[in-house]
C-alpha atoms as a PDB file:
ATOM      1  CA  UNK A   1       6.316  -0.024  -2.482  1.00  0.00           C
ATOM      2  CA  UNK A   2       3.792   2.072  -4.362  1.00  0.00           C
ATOM      3  CA  UNK A   3       2.421   5.430  -3.284  1.00  0.00           C
ATOM      4  CA  UNK A   4      -0.344   7.817  -4.212  1.00  0.00           C
ATOM      5  CA  UNK A   5       0.466  11.357  -3.067  1.00  0.00           C
ATOM      6  CA  UNK A   6       2.617  10.112  -0.207  1.00  0.00           C
ATOM      7  CA  UNK A   7       0.198   7.390   0.943  1.00  0.00           C
ATOM      8  CA  UNK A   8       1.595   3.870   0.682  1.00  0.00           C
ATOM      9  CA  UNK A   9      -0.604   1.637  -1.420  1.00  0.00           C
ATOM     10  CA  UNK A  10       1.253  -1.631  -1.718  1.00  0.00           C
ATOM     11  CA  UNK A  11       4.357  -3.040  -0.131  1.00  0.00           C
ATOM     12  CA  UNK A  12       6.105  -6.363  -0.466  1.00  0.00           C
ATOM     13  CA  UNK A  13       9.320  -8.125   0.355  1.00  0.00           C
ATOM     14  CA  UNK A  14      11.686  -8.399  -2.588  1.00  0.00           C
ATOM     15  CA  UNK A  15      14.803 -10.462  -3.054  1.00  0.00           C
ATOM     16  CA  UNK A  16      16.076 -13.794  -4.235  1.00  0.00           C
ATOM     17  CA  UNK A  17      17.749 -16.931  -3.004  1.00  0.00           C
ATOM     18  CA  UNK A  18      17.290 -19.256  -0.054  1.00  0.00           C
ATOM     19  CA  UNK A  19      17.755 -16.496   2.519  1.00  0.00           C
ATOM     20  CA  UNK A  20      14.794 -14.619   1.052  1.00  0.00           C
ATOM     21  CA  UNK A  21      12.606 -17.692   1.534  1.00  0.00           C
ATOM     22  CA  UNK A  22      13.463 -17.721   5.224  1.00  0.00           C
ATOM     23  CA  UNK A  23      12.934 -13.971   5.593  1.00  0.00           C
ATOM     24  CA  UNK A  24       9.589 -14.040   3.763  1.00  0.00           C
ATOM     25  CA  UNK A  25       8.223 -16.447   6.356  1.00  0.00           C
ATOM     26  CA  UNK A  26       9.061 -14.135   9.253  1.00  0.00           C
ATOM     27  CA  UNK A  27       5.915 -12.797  10.912  1.00  0.00           C
ATOM     28  CA  UNK A  28       7.736  -9.579  11.770  1.00  0.00           C
ATOM     29  CA  UNK A  29       8.376  -8.610   8.163  1.00  0.00           C
ATOM     30  CA  UNK A  30       4.944  -9.693   6.977  1.00  0.00           C
ATOM     31  CA  UNK A  31       3.391  -7.598   9.728  1.00  0.00           C
ATOM     32  CA  UNK A  32       5.522  -4.628   8.675  1.00  0.00           C
ATOM     33  CA  UNK A  33       4.271  -4.836   5.085  1.00  0.00           C
ATOM     34  CA  UNK A  34       0.684  -4.878   6.351  1.00  0.00           C
ATOM     35  CA  UNK A  35       1.165  -2.015   8.803  1.00  0.00           C
ATOM     36  CA  UNK A  36       2.496   0.398   6.180  1.00  0.00           C
ATOM     37  CA  UNK A  37      -0.379  -0.003   3.711  1.00  0.00           C
ATOM     38  CA  UNK A  38      -2.620   3.049   3.567  1.00  0.00           C
ATOM     39  CA  UNK A  39      -0.355   5.184   5.746  1.00  0.00           C
ATOM     40  CA  UNK A  40       1.606   8.329   4.889  1.00  0.00           C
ATOM     41  CA  UNK A  41       5.364   7.936   4.478  1.00  0.00           C
ATOM     42  CA  UNK A  42       6.170  10.088   7.505  1.00  0.00           C
ATOM     43  CA  UNK A  43       3.857   7.995   9.696  1.00  0.00           C
ATOM     44  CA  UNK A  44       5.442   4.661   8.772  1.00  0.00           C
ATOM     45  CA  UNK A  45       8.809   6.017   9.844  1.00  0.00           C
ATOM     46  CA  UNK A  46       7.430   6.180  13.390  1.00  0.00           C
ATOM     47  CA  UNK A  47       6.885   2.390  13.524  1.00  0.00           C
ATOM     48  CA  UNK A  48       9.398   1.037  16.007  1.00  0.00           C
ATOM     49  CA  UNK A  49      10.713  -2.470  16.524  1.00  0.00           C
ATOM     50  CA  UNK A  50       9.228  -2.367  20.032  1.00  0.00           C
ATOM     51  CA  UNK A  51       5.732  -1.912  18.547  1.00  0.00           C
ATOM     52  CA  UNK A  52       6.239  -4.966  16.341  1.00  0.00           C
ATOM     53  CA  UNK A  53       7.730  -7.039  19.162  1.00  0.00           C
ATOM     54  CA  UNK A  54       4.860  -6.163  21.493  1.00  0.00           C
ATOM     55  CA  UNK A  55       2.194  -6.926  18.879  1.00  0.00           C
ATOM     56  CA  UNK A  56       3.708 -10.345  18.174  1.00  0.00           C
ATOM     57  CA  UNK A  57       4.615 -11.054  21.822  1.00  0.00           C
ATOM     58  CA  UNK A  58       8.209 -11.761  20.862  1.00  0.00           C
ATOM     59  CA  UNK A  59      10.534 -13.165  23.516  1.00  0.00           C
ATOM     60  CA  UNK A  60      13.758 -11.206  24.173  1.00  0.00           C
ATOM     61  CA  UNK A  61      15.841 -13.620  22.075  1.00  0.00           C
ATOM     62  CA  UNK A  62      13.736 -12.737  19.003  1.00  0.00           C
ATOM     63  CA  UNK A  63      13.927  -8.930  19.298  1.00  0.00           C
ATOM     64  CA  UNK A  64      16.518  -8.785  16.521  1.00  0.00           C
ATOM     65  CA  UNK A  65      13.787  -9.914  14.118  1.00  0.00           C
ATOM     66  CA  UNK A  66      11.647  -6.899  14.957  1.00  0.00           C
ATOM     67  CA  UNK A  67      14.708  -4.678  14.477  1.00  0.00           C
ATOM     68  CA  UNK A  68      15.101  -6.080  10.969  1.00  0.00           C
ATOM     69  CA  UNK A  69      11.486  -5.177  10.220  1.00  0.00           C
ATOM     70  CA  UNK A  70      11.985  -1.580  11.400  1.00  0.00           C
ATOM     71  CA  UNK A  71      15.185  -1.335   9.356  1.00  0.00           C
ATOM     72  CA  UNK A  72      13.376  -2.711   6.295  1.00  0.00           C
ATOM     73  CA  UNK A  73      10.669  -0.038   6.544  1.00  0.00           C
ATOM     74  CA  UNK A  74      13.241   2.753   6.807  1.00  0.00           C
ATOM     75  CA  UNK A  75      15.270   1.310   3.928  1.00  0.00           C
ATOM     76  CA  UNK A  76      12.174   1.067   1.714  1.00  0.00           C
ATOM     77  CA  UNK A  77      11.249   4.706   2.336  1.00  0.00           C
ATOM     78  CA  UNK A  78      14.834   5.814   1.703  1.00  0.00           C
ATOM     79  CA  UNK A  79      14.952   3.775  -1.520  1.00  0.00           C
ATOM     80  CA  UNK A  80      11.624   5.226  -2.685  1.00  0.00           C
ATOM     81  CA  UNK A  81      12.806   8.772  -1.973  1.00  0.00           C
ATOM     82  CA  UNK A  82      16.096   8.190  -3.805  1.00  0.00           C
ATOM     83  CA  UNK A  83      14.254   6.918  -6.882  1.00  0.00           C
ATOM     84  CA  UNK A  84      11.805   9.813  -6.712  1.00  0.00           C
ATOM     85  CA  UNK A  85      14.653  12.345  -6.413  1.00  0.00           C
ATOM     86  CA  UNK A  86      16.465  10.734  -9.334  1.00  0.00           C
ATOM     87  CA  UNK A  87      13.352  11.285 -11.440  1.00  0.00           C
ATOM     88  CA  UNK A  88      13.298  14.955 -10.363  1.00  0.00           C
ATOM     89  CA  UNK A  89      10.055  14.787  -8.396  1.00  0.00           C
ATOM     90  CA  UNK A  90      11.378  15.946  -5.049  1.00  0.00           C
ATOM     91  CA  UNK A  91       9.962  19.280  -3.983  1.00  0.00           C
ATOM     92  CA  UNK A  92       9.976  19.467  -0.191  1.00  0.00           C
ATOM     93  CA  UNK A  93      11.802  17.749   2.639  1.00  0.00           C
ATOM     94  CA  UNK A  94      11.326  14.013   2.421  1.00  0.00           C
ATOM     95  CA  UNK A  95       9.655  12.105   5.284  1.00  0.00           C
ATOM     96  CA  UNK A  96      12.958  10.558   6.337  1.00  0.00           C
ATOM     97  CA  UNK A  97      14.617  13.994   6.429  1.00  0.00           C
ATOM     98  CA  UNK A  98      11.741  15.310   8.567  1.00  0.00           C
ATOM     99  CA  UNK A  99      12.042  12.319  10.901  1.00  0.00           C
ATOM    100  CA  UNK A 100      15.796  12.829  11.218  1.00  0.00           C
ATOM    101  CA  UNK A 101      15.248  16.471  12.198  1.00  0.00           C
ATOM    102  CA  UNK A 102      12.734  15.556  14.924  1.00  0.00           C
END
């Protein structure tokens, strides 16, 4: 994930192995990477698995896939914030901290 002043520019799935090939084909995760582009970090944390499931018309047995997409978004933001903090660039509450307080 890349950002410019808190706005997400690029996002992609990263990993290796056969499992990653299966995950990369999932519409839910591809949709998630598209939905976050051009949005502020705090806004992408509001994307819920139900939004993804509704957009893709997922049947109930596939809802776990949309949950994985929501979890992936939250994990990416958390990872970005951790790397940013490690570099000493953290000045105010992070988007995930603000979302947790709400």
